[in-house]
Amino acid sequence: MGSQLLIGCGRSREKKITRAGFENWTDLITLDINPDHSPDVVWDLNDLPLPFADNNFNEIHAYEVLEHCGRQGDYKFFFNQFSEFWRILQPGGVLIGTSPLYSSVWAWGDPSHTRVLQKENFVFLDQTEYTKQVGVTAMSDFRYIYKADFSLEYASEADGVLMFALKAIKPSRISDNVV
């Protein structure tokens, strides 16, 4: 079944978003930057690589934490961070998260928020989209630095929050025709 990782856990150990067959934690590992929250692992998510083995987790949960990492427009960190999540997820594992919508007062109102995520960002994490869109749409080609692969399983925008689930596709579907 595998372990689950809750990043940016704070004091909570609640599983806020579930999927069928995975309603409860089975082998939870928590990670937070603040040792006062008593996580299993004290770690700054801006420090890559993450301190976990390849293919270690069947789920990673990230509730209201990814907007605190990296900087808006720092595409190298964006791809490195999601590549790390992909690396530590098992094949078919899922990254589940929430983040303030760009239109939320909290998106930039919180002084510790350094970027916003929106569902359109996830197009860049799906290798099949590059084949479909590069040269046809305005999509930039990042395959020279991004080799991981996710499929967007779920995205919802409501009450100022983006909720999402990204499935790790392993092996990556990156095209052999990358120039």
N, C-alpha and C. Protein backbone atom coordinates (compact mmCIF):
# COMPACT_ATOMS: atom_id res chain seq x y z
N MET A 1 0.83 -1.20 0.00
CA MET A 1 0.00 0.00 0.00
C MET A 1 0.86 1.25 0.00
N GLY A 2 1.89 1.29 0.85
CA GLY A 2 2.80 2.43 0.84
C GLY A 2 2.49 3.45 1.91
N SER A 3 3.43 4.34 2.07
CA SER A 3 3.33 5.41 3.05
C SER A 3 2.70 6.64 2.44
N GLN A 4 2.22 7.51 3.32
CA GLN A 4 1.73 8.81 2.89
C GLN A 4 2.59 9.88 3.56
N LEU A 5 2.78 10.97 2.84
CA LEU A 5 3.57 12.10 3.33
C LEU A 5 2.67 13.32 3.39
N LEU A 6 2.64 13.96 4.55
CA LEU A 6 1.90 15.21 4.74
C LEU A 6 2.93 16.31 4.91
N ILE A 7 3.07 17.17 3.89
CA ILE A 7 4.07 18.23 3.93
C ILE A 7 3.43 19.53 4.40
N GLY A 8 4.21 20.32 5.14
CA GLY A 8 3.67 21.56 5.69
C GLY A 8 2.53 21.27 6.65
N CYS A 9 2.70 20.24 7.45
CA CYS A 9 1.60 19.73 8.27
C CYS A 9 1.16 20.69 9.37
N GLY A 10 2.06 21.56 9.83
CA GLY A 10 1.71 22.37 11.00
C GLY A 10 1.36 21.45 12.15
N ARG A 11 0.37 21.80 12.93
CA ARG A 11 -0.04 20.96 14.06
C ARG A 11 -1.10 19.93 13.65
N SER A 12 -1.60 20.01 12.44
CA SER A 12 -2.69 19.13 12.00
C SER A 12 -2.16 17.80 11.46
N ARG A 13 -2.92 16.77 11.70
CA ARG A 13 -2.65 15.45 11.10
C ARG A 13 -3.90 14.96 10.38
N GLU A 14 -4.81 15.91 10.06
CA GLU A 14 -6.07 15.58 9.41
C GLU A 14 -5.85 15.32 7.92
N LYS A 15 -6.50 14.28 7.42
CA LYS A 15 -6.50 14.00 5.98
C LYS A 15 -7.71 14.72 5.42
N LYS A 16 -7.47 15.88 4.80
CA LYS A 16 -8.55 16.77 4.38
C LYS A 16 -9.18 16.36 3.05
N ILE A 17 -8.43 15.70 2.20
CA ILE A 17 -8.94 15.27 0.90
C ILE A 17 -8.60 13.78 0.76
N THR A 18 -9.60 12.99 0.42
CA THR A 18 -9.38 11.56 0.29
C THR A 18 -9.78 11.09 -1.09
N ARG A 19 -9.36 9.90 -1.42
CA ARG A 19 -9.78 9.24 -2.64
C ARG A 19 -10.26 7.84 -2.28
N ALA A 20 -11.07 7.28 -3.12
CA ALA A 20 -11.68 5.98 -2.84
C ALA A 20 -10.61 4.93 -2.55
N GLY A 21 -10.81 4.22 -1.45
CA GLY A 21 -9.87 3.19 -1.03
C GLY A 21 -8.72 3.69 -0.21
N PHE A 22 -8.61 5.01 -0.06
CA PHE A 22 -7.50 5.62 0.69
C PHE A 22 -8.04 6.68 1.65
N GLU A 23 -9.11 6.35 2.35
CA GLU A 23 -9.78 7.33 3.21
C GLU A 23 -8.99 7.66 4.47
N ASN A 24 -8.15 6.74 4.92
CA ASN A 24 -7.42 6.94 6.18
C ASN A 24 -5.92 6.85 5.93
N TRP A 25 -5.16 7.46 6.83
CA TRP A 25 -3.71 7.31 6.79
C TRP A 25 -3.38 5.86 7.14
N THR A 26 -2.39 5.28 6.49
CA THR A 26 -1.95 3.93 6.85
C THR A 26 -0.54 3.95 7.44
N ASP A 27 0.31 4.80 6.94
CA ASP A 27 1.69 4.89 7.42
C ASP A 27 2.14 6.33 7.20
N LEU A 28 1.62 7.24 8.00
CA LEU A 28 1.82 8.68 7.80
C LEU A 28 3.19 9.14 8.27
N ILE A 29 3.83 9.93 7.40
CA ILE A 29 5.06 10.65 7.75
C ILE A 29 4.74 12.13 7.56
N THR A 30 5.09 12.94 8.56
CA THR A 30 4.82 14.38 8.51
C THR A 30 6.12 15.15 8.32
N LEU A 31 6.00 16.28 7.64
CA LEU A 31 7.14 17.15 7.38
C LEU A 31 6.70 18.59 7.57
N ASP A 32 7.51 19.36 8.28
CA ASP A 32 7.24 20.78 8.47
C ASP A 32 8.56 21.48 8.75
N ILE A 33 8.60 22.77 8.44
CA ILE A 33 9.80 23.57 8.69
C ILE A 33 9.95 23.93 10.17
N ASN A 34 8.83 23.90 10.90
CA ASN A 34 8.80 24.35 12.30
C ASN A 34 8.89 23.16 13.25
N PRO A 35 10.00 23.02 13.98
CA PRO A 35 10.14 21.89 14.90
C PRO A 35 9.12 21.92 16.04
N ASP A 36 8.56 23.09 16.34
CA ASP A 36 7.55 23.18 17.40
C ASP A 36 6.28 22.41 17.06
N HIS A 37 6.07 22.08 15.78
CA HIS A 37 4.89 21.33 15.36
C HIS A 37 5.09 19.82 15.49
N SER A 38 6.27 19.41 15.94
CA SER A 38 6.63 18.00 16.15
C SER A 38 6.42 17.11 14.92
N PRO A 39 6.90 17.55 13.75
CA PRO A 39 6.79 16.68 12.58
C PRO A 39 7.81 15.53 12.69
N ASP A 40 7.59 14.49 11.90
CA ASP A 40 8.58 13.41 11.84
C ASP A 40 9.88 13.91 11.22
N VAL A 41 9.76 14.81 10.25
CA VAL A 41 10.92 15.35 9.54
C VAL A 41 10.82 16.88 9.56
N VAL A 42 11.86 17.53 10.06
CA VAL A 42 11.95 18.99 10.00
C VAL A 42 12.71 19.32 8.72
N TRP A 43 12.05 20.06 7.81
CA TRP A 43 12.67 20.32 6.50
C TRP A 43 12.06 21.55 5.87
N ASP A 44 12.87 22.34 5.20
CA ASP A 44 12.43 23.48 4.41
C ASP A 44 12.17 22.99 2.99
N LEU A 45 10.95 23.12 2.51
CA LEU A 45 10.60 22.63 1.18
C LEU A 45 11.32 23.35 0.05
N ASN A 46 11.98 24.45 0.36
CA ASN A 46 12.79 25.14 -0.65
C ASN A 46 14.13 24.44 -0.85
N ASP A 47 14.48 23.53 0.07
CA ASP A 47 15.75 22.79 -0.03
C ASP A 47 15.51 21.48 -0.77
N LEU A 48 16.03 21.41 -1.97
CA LEU A 48 15.90 20.21 -2.79
C LEU A 48 17.27 19.60 -2.98
N PRO A 49 17.36 18.28 -3.02
CA PRO A 49 16.30 17.29 -3.06
C PRO A 49 15.68 17.06 -1.68
N LEU A 50 14.50 16.48 -1.70
CA LEU A 50 13.81 16.11 -0.47
C LEU A 50 14.47 14.88 0.14
N PRO A 51 14.41 14.74 1.47
CA PRO A 51 15.17 13.67 2.15
C PRO A 51 14.46 12.31 2.17
N PHE A 52 13.99 11.86 1.02
CA PHE A 52 13.27 10.59 0.94
C PHE A 52 13.76 9.79 -0.26
N ALA A 53 13.62 8.47 -0.15
CA ALA A 53 14.03 7.56 -1.23
C ALA A 53 13.06 7.64 -2.40
N ASP A 54 13.52 7.23 -3.55
CA ASP A 54 12.68 7.13 -4.74
C ASP A 54 11.50 6.19 -4.49
N ASN A 55 10.36 6.49 -5.10
CA ASN A 55 9.19 5.60 -5.08
C ASN A 55 8.74 5.23 -3.67
N ASN A 56 8.81 6.15 -2.76
CA ASN A 56 8.56 5.87 -1.34
C ASN A 56 7.10 6.01 -0.92
N PHE A 57 6.33 6.91 -1.56
CA PHE A 57 5.00 7.24 -1.07
C PHE A 57 3.92 6.94 -2.11
N ASN A 58 2.75 6.51 -1.63
CA ASN A 58 1.62 6.36 -2.55
C ASN A 58 0.78 7.63 -2.58
N GLU A 59 0.94 8.49 -1.58
CA GLU A 59 0.27 9.79 -1.57
C GLU A 59 1.18 10.83 -0.92
N ILE A 60 1.13 12.03 -1.46
CA ILE A 60 1.71 13.21 -0.81
C ILE A 60 0.57 14.20 -0.68
N HIS A 61 0.38 14.74 0.51
CA HIS A 61 -0.65 15.75 0.75
C HIS A 61 0.04 17.07 1.08
N ALA A 62 -0.44 18.13 0.43
CA ALA A 62 0.15 19.47 0.57
C ALA A 62 -1.00 20.47 0.68
N TYR A 63 -1.41 20.76 1.91
CA TYR A 63 -2.54 21.67 2.12
C TYR A 63 -2.01 23.06 2.49
N GLU A 64 -2.27 24.03 1.62
CA GLU A 64 -1.91 25.42 1.89
C GLU A 64 -0.43 25.58 2.24
N VAL A 65 0.44 24.94 1.45
CA VAL A 65 1.87 25.05 1.71
C VAL A 65 2.69 25.40 0.47
N LEU A 66 2.27 24.96 -0.71
CA LEU A 66 3.09 25.16 -1.91
C LEU A 66 3.23 26.62 -2.30
N GLU A 67 2.29 27.46 -1.90
CA GLU A 67 2.38 28.89 -2.19
C GLU A 67 3.47 29.59 -1.35
N HIS A 68 4.05 28.85 -0.41
CA HIS A 68 5.13 29.37 0.43
C HIS A 68 6.51 29.00 -0.11
N CYS A 69 6.56 28.26 -1.22
CA CYS A 69 7.82 27.73 -1.76
C CYS A 69 8.16 28.38 -3.09
N GLY A 70 9.44 28.56 -3.32
CA GLY A 70 9.87 29.13 -4.60
C GLY A 70 9.45 30.58 -4.73
N ARG A 71 9.48 31.07 -5.95
CA ARG A 71 9.12 32.45 -6.25
C ARG A 71 8.30 32.45 -7.53
N GLN A 72 7.36 33.36 -7.62
CA GLN A 72 6.57 33.49 -8.85
C GLN A 72 7.51 33.74 -10.02
N GLY A 73 7.37 32.95 -11.07
CA GLY A 73 8.22 33.10 -12.25
C GLY A 73 9.50 32.28 -12.21
N ASP A 74 9.81 31.64 -11.09
CA ASP A 74 11.01 30.81 -11.00
C ASP A 74 10.68 29.42 -11.54
N TYR A 75 10.71 29.32 -12.85
CA TYR A 75 10.31 28.07 -13.50
C TYR A 75 11.24 26.92 -13.15
N LYS A 76 12.52 27.20 -12.92
CA LYS A 76 13.46 26.12 -12.58
C LYS A 76 13.07 25.48 -11.25
N PHE A 77 12.75 26.30 -10.24
CA PHE A 77 12.32 25.73 -8.96
C PHE A 77 10.99 24.99 -9.13
N PHE A 78 10.05 25.58 -9.86
CA PHE A 78 8.75 24.94 -10.09
C PHE A 78 8.94 23.52 -10.62
N PHE A 79 9.73 23.37 -11.68
CA PHE A 79 9.92 22.05 -12.26
C PHE A 79 10.76 21.14 -11.37
N ASN A 80 11.75 21.69 -10.69
CA ASN A 80 12.54 20.88 -9.76
C ASN A 80 11.69 20.36 -8.61
N GLN A 81 10.82 21.21 -8.06
CA GLN A 81 9.98 20.78 -6.95
C GLN A 81 9.01 19.67 -7.37
N PHE A 82 8.33 19.87 -8.49
CA PHE A 82 7.39 18.83 -8.92
C PHE A 82 8.13 17.57 -9.38
N SER A 83 9.35 17.70 -9.89
CA SER A 83 10.15 16.52 -10.22
C SER A 83 10.51 15.74 -8.96
N GLU A 84 10.75 16.45 -7.87
CA GLU A 84 11.03 15.79 -6.60
C GLU A 84 9.80 15.05 -6.08
N PHE A 85 8.63 15.68 -6.17
CA PHE A 85 7.41 14.98 -5.75
C PHE A 85 7.23 13.71 -6.59
N TRP A 86 7.46 13.83 -7.89
CA TRP A 86 7.34 12.68 -8.80
C TRP A 86 8.34 11.60 -8.41
N ARG A 87 9.56 11.98 -8.11
CA ARG A 87 10.62 11.02 -7.76
C ARG A 87 10.24 10.20 -6.54
N ILE A 88 9.68 10.83 -5.52
CA ILE A 88 9.40 10.11 -4.27
C ILE A 88 8.03 9.42 -4.27
N LEU A 89 7.20 9.72 -5.27
CA LEU A 89 5.92 9.01 -5.39
C LEU A 89 6.14 7.67 -6.09
N GLN A 90 5.37 6.68 -5.68
CA GLN A 90 5.36 5.39 -6.36
C GLN A 90 4.68 5.58 -7.72
N PRO A 91 4.92 4.69 -8.67
CA PRO A 91 4.17 4.75 -9.93
C PRO A 91 2.67 4.73 -9.62
N GLY A 92 1.94 5.68 -10.16
CA GLY A 92 0.51 5.79 -9.89
C GLY A 92 0.19 6.50 -8.59
N GLY A 93 1.21 6.91 -7.84
CA GLY A 93 0.99 7.66 -6.61
C GLY A 93 0.40 9.03 -6.93
N VAL A 94 -0.19 9.67 -5.91
CA VAL A 94 -0.93 10.90 -6.16
C VAL A 94 -0.45 12.02 -5.22
N LEU A 95 -0.24 13.18 -5.82
CA LEU A 95 0.01 14.42 -5.07
C LEU A 95 -1.33 15.13 -4.95
N ILE A 96 -1.78 15.33 -3.73
CA ILE A 96 -3.07 15.94 -3.45
C ILE A 96 -2.81 17.24 -2.70
N GLY A 97 -3.44 18.33 -3.15
CA GLY A 97 -3.15 19.59 -2.48
C GLY A 97 -4.23 20.63 -2.59
N THR A 98 -4.02 21.68 -1.81
CA THR A 98 -4.85 22.88 -1.88
C THR A 98 -3.93 24.09 -1.85
N SER A 99 -4.41 25.15 -2.46
CA SER A 99 -3.66 26.40 -2.50
C SER A 99 -4.66 27.53 -2.71
N PRO A 100 -4.38 28.73 -2.19
CA PRO A 100 -5.31 29.84 -2.43
C PRO A 100 -5.39 30.16 -3.92
N LEU A 101 -6.59 30.42 -4.39
CA LEU A 101 -6.75 30.87 -5.77
C LEU A 101 -6.08 32.23 -5.96
N TYR A 102 -5.63 32.49 -7.17
CA TYR A 102 -5.00 33.78 -7.48
C TYR A 102 -5.93 34.94 -7.16
N SER A 103 -7.25 34.72 -7.18
CA SER A 103 -8.22 35.78 -6.91
C SER A 103 -8.56 35.91 -5.42
N SER A 104 -8.05 35.03 -4.61
CA SER A 104 -8.30 35.08 -3.16
C SER A 104 -7.52 36.22 -2.52
N VAL A 105 -8.10 36.86 -1.52
CA VAL A 105 -7.36 37.90 -0.80
C VAL A 105 -6.13 37.32 -0.12
N TRP A 106 -6.14 36.01 0.15
CA TRP A 106 -5.01 35.37 0.81
C TRP A 106 -3.86 35.04 -0.13
N ALA A 107 -4.11 35.02 -1.43
CA ALA A 107 -3.06 34.65 -2.38
C ALA A 107 -1.82 35.52 -2.18
N TRP A 108 -2.03 36.82 -2.12
CA TRP A 108 -0.90 37.72 -1.91
C TRP A 108 -1.01 38.50 -0.60
N GLY A 109 -2.13 38.36 0.11
CA GLY A 109 -2.31 39.06 1.38
C GLY A 109 -1.44 38.51 2.49
N ASP A 110 -1.13 37.23 2.43
CA ASP A 110 -0.25 36.60 3.42
C ASP A 110 1.19 36.96 3.04
N PRO A 111 1.94 37.63 3.93
CA PRO A 111 3.29 38.06 3.57
C PRO A 111 4.26 36.90 3.33
N SER A 112 3.89 35.68 3.71
CA SER A 112 4.79 34.55 3.47
C SER A 112 4.50 33.83 2.16
N HIS A 113 3.48 34.26 1.43
CA HIS A 113 3.19 33.64 0.13
C HIS A 113 4.13 34.23 -0.92
N THR A 114 4.78 33.36 -1.65
CA THR A 114 5.77 33.80 -2.64
C THR A 114 5.39 33.47 -4.07
N ARG A 115 4.28 32.72 -4.24
CA ARG A 115 3.80 32.40 -5.59
C ARG A 115 2.35 31.94 -5.49
N VAL A 116 1.68 31.93 -6.62
CA VAL A 116 0.34 31.35 -6.70
C VAL A 116 0.41 30.16 -7.67
N LEU A 117 -0.44 29.20 -7.40
CA LEU A 117 -0.62 28.09 -8.31
C LEU A 117 -2.02 28.19 -8.89
N GLN A 118 -2.16 27.82 -10.13
CA GLN A 118 -3.48 27.74 -10.72
C GLN A 118 -3.52 26.48 -11.57
N LYS A 119 -4.73 26.01 -11.85
CA LYS A 119 -4.83 24.71 -12.53
C LYS A 119 -4.13 24.71 -13.88
N GLU A 120 -4.01 25.85 -14.50
CA GLU A 120 -3.30 25.92 -15.79
C GLU A 120 -1.82 25.55 -15.64
N ASN A 121 -1.23 25.75 -14.46
CA ASN A 121 0.16 25.35 -14.24
C ASN A 121 0.37 23.86 -14.48
N PHE A 122 -0.66 23.06 -14.20
CA PHE A 122 -0.52 21.62 -14.25
C PHE A 122 -0.38 21.08 -15.67
N VAL A 123 -0.77 21.87 -16.67
CA VAL A 123 -0.58 21.48 -18.07
C VAL A 123 0.91 21.23 -18.32
N PHE A 124 1.77 22.02 -17.70
CA PHE A 124 3.20 21.93 -17.92
C PHE A 124 3.83 20.71 -17.25
N LEU A 125 3.06 20.01 -16.42
CA LEU A 125 3.57 18.83 -15.73
C LEU A 125 3.20 17.53 -16.45
N ASP A 126 2.39 17.63 -17.49
CA ASP A 126 1.88 16.48 -18.24
C ASP A 126 2.63 16.39 -19.56
N GLN A 127 3.46 15.35 -19.72
CA GLN A 127 4.30 15.23 -20.91
C GLN A 127 3.49 15.11 -22.20
N THR A 128 2.28 14.57 -22.15
CA THR A 128 1.50 14.45 -23.38
C THR A 128 1.05 15.81 -23.90
N GLU A 129 0.93 16.78 -23.01
CA GLU A 129 0.52 18.13 -23.43
C GLU A 129 1.59 18.80 -24.29
N TYR A 130 2.86 18.51 -24.02
CA TYR A 130 3.92 19.10 -24.84
C TYR A 130 3.78 18.64 -26.30
N THR A 131 3.54 17.35 -26.48
CA THR A 131 3.38 16.81 -27.83
C THR A 131 2.20 17.45 -28.54
N LYS A 132 1.12 17.66 -27.81
CA LYS A 132 -0.09 18.25 -28.39
C LYS A 132 0.06 19.73 -28.68
N GLN A 133 0.78 20.46 -27.82
CA GLN A 133 0.70 21.91 -27.86
C GLN A 133 1.93 22.65 -28.37
N VAL A 134 3.14 22.12 -28.15
CA VAL A 134 4.33 22.86 -28.55
C VAL A 134 4.34 23.04 -30.07
N GLY A 135 4.47 24.27 -30.49
CA GLY A 135 4.45 24.62 -31.90
C GLY A 135 3.05 24.89 -32.44
N VAL A 136 2.03 24.58 -31.64
CA VAL A 136 0.64 24.80 -32.04
C VAL A 136 0.02 25.94 -31.22
N THR A 137 0.32 25.94 -29.93
CA THR A 137 -0.17 26.99 -29.02
C THR A 137 1.03 27.79 -28.52
N ALA A 138 0.78 28.69 -27.59
CA ALA A 138 1.87 29.49 -27.02
C ALA A 138 2.60 28.77 -25.88
N MET A 139 2.33 27.48 -25.68
CA MET A 139 2.97 26.72 -24.60
C MET A 139 4.47 26.66 -24.79
N SER A 140 5.20 27.07 -23.76
CA SER A 140 6.67 26.99 -23.78
C SER A 140 7.09 25.54 -23.58
N ASP A 141 8.21 25.17 -24.19
CA ASP A 141 8.72 23.80 -24.11
C ASP A 141 9.79 23.71 -23.02
N PHE A 142 9.44 23.04 -21.92
CA PHE A 142 10.37 22.90 -20.80
C PHE A 142 10.92 21.48 -20.69
N ARG A 143 10.74 20.66 -21.71
CA ARG A 143 11.19 19.27 -21.65
C ARG A 143 12.70 19.16 -21.54
N TYR A 144 13.43 20.20 -21.85
CA TYR A 144 14.88 20.14 -21.71
C TYR A 144 15.30 20.12 -20.25
N ILE A 145 14.41 20.57 -19.33
CA ILE A 145 14.74 20.52 -17.90
C ILE A 145 13.75 19.68 -17.10
N TYR A 146 12.61 19.36 -17.69
CA TYR A 146 11.57 18.63 -16.96
C TYR A 146 11.32 17.28 -17.62
N LYS A 147 11.64 16.21 -16.91
CA LYS A 147 11.50 14.85 -17.43
C LYS A 147 10.42 14.05 -16.71
N ALA A 148 9.93 14.55 -15.58
CA ALA A 148 8.89 13.86 -14.81
C ALA A 148 7.57 13.94 -15.58
N ASP A 149 6.52 13.33 -15.03
CA ASP A 149 5.25 13.28 -15.75
C ASP A 149 4.10 13.05 -14.77
N PHE A 150 3.12 13.91 -14.84
CA PHE A 150 1.90 13.78 -14.04
C PHE A 150 0.70 13.89 -14.96
N SER A 151 -0.39 13.27 -14.54
CA SER A 151 -1.67 13.54 -15.19
C SER A 151 -2.57 14.19 -14.15
N LEU A 152 -3.31 15.19 -14.58
CA LEU A 152 -4.23 15.88 -13.68
C LEU A 152 -5.45 15.00 -13.50
N GLU A 153 -5.64 14.51 -12.29
CA GLU A 153 -6.77 13.63 -11.99
C GLU A 153 -7.98 14.42 -11.51
N TYR A 154 -7.73 15.57 -10.90
CA TYR A 154 -8.83 16.35 -10.32
C TYR A 154 -8.37 17.78 -10.11
N ALA A 155 -9.24 18.72 -10.42
CA ALA A 155 -9.00 20.14 -10.09
C ALA A 155 -10.36 20.79 -9.87
N SER A 156 -10.42 21.58 -8.81
CA SER A 156 -11.65 22.28 -8.48
C SER A 156 -11.29 23.63 -7.88
N GLU A 157 -12.05 24.64 -8.24
CA GLU A 157 -11.86 25.98 -7.70
C GLU A 157 -13.16 26.40 -7.03
N ALA A 158 -13.09 26.63 -5.72
CA ALA A 158 -14.28 27.04 -4.97
C ALA A 158 -13.86 27.75 -3.69
N ASP A 159 -14.64 28.74 -3.31
CA ASP A 159 -14.43 29.45 -2.04
C ASP A 159 -12.99 29.93 -1.86
N GLY A 160 -12.38 30.41 -2.96
CA GLY A 160 -11.04 30.98 -2.88
C GLY A 160 -9.93 29.95 -2.81
N VAL A 161 -10.24 28.66 -3.06
CA VAL A 161 -9.24 27.60 -2.92
C VAL A 161 -9.19 26.75 -4.18
N LEU A 162 -7.97 26.43 -4.60
CA LEU A 162 -7.73 25.46 -5.65
C LEU A 162 -7.45 24.12 -4.96
N MET A 163 -8.21 23.10 -5.32
CA MET A 163 -7.96 21.73 -4.84
C MET A 163 -7.56 20.91 -6.06
N PHE A 164 -6.56 20.04 -5.89
CA PHE A 164 -6.07 19.28 -7.03
C PHE A 164 -5.52 17.92 -6.62
N ALA A 165 -5.46 17.03 -7.60
CA ALA A 165 -4.81 15.73 -7.45
C ALA A 165 -4.07 15.44 -8.74
N LEU A 166 -2.79 15.16 -8.62
CA LEU A 166 -1.92 14.85 -9.75
C LEU A 166 -1.37 13.44 -9.59
N LYS A 167 -1.54 12.61 -10.60
CA LYS A 167 -1.08 11.23 -10.58
C LYS A 167 0.29 11.12 -11.23
N ALA A 168 1.23 10.46 -10.54
CA ALA A 168 2.57 10.25 -11.07
C ALA A 168 2.55 9.16 -12.14
N ILE A 169 2.95 9.52 -13.36
CA ILE A 169 3.02 8.58 -14.46
C ILE A 169 4.46 8.11 -14.59
N LYS A 170 4.67 6.83 -14.34
CA LYS A 170 6.01 6.24 -14.39
C LYS A 170 5.93 4.95 -15.19
N PRO A 171 6.78 4.78 -16.18
CA PRO A 171 7.80 5.74 -16.60
C PRO A 171 7.16 6.96 -17.27
N SER A 172 7.93 8.01 -17.35
CA SER A 172 7.48 9.25 -17.96
C SER A 172 7.14 9.02 -19.43
N ARG A 173 6.14 9.73 -19.91
CA ARG A 173 5.73 9.65 -21.32
C ARG A 173 6.44 10.69 -22.17
N ILE A 174 7.57 11.21 -21.69
CA ILE A 174 8.28 12.23 -22.46
C ILE A 174 8.61 11.70 -23.85
N SER A 175 8.41 12.53 -24.82
CA SER A 175 8.65 12.15 -26.21
C SER A 175 10.14 12.00 -26.47
N ASP A 176 10.47 11.02 -27.30
CA ASP A 176 11.87 10.84 -27.72
C ASP A 176 12.30 11.90 -28.72
N ASN A 177 11.34 12.70 -29.18
CA ASN A 177 11.62 13.69 -30.22
C ASN A 177 11.91 15.07 -29.65
N VAL A 178 12.37 15.15 -28.41
CA VAL A 178 12.66 16.45 -27.79
C VAL A 178 13.95 16.98 -28.39
N VAL A 179 13.90 18.24 -28.81
CA VAL A 179 15.09 18.87 -29.40
C VAL A 179 15.76 19.79 -28.41
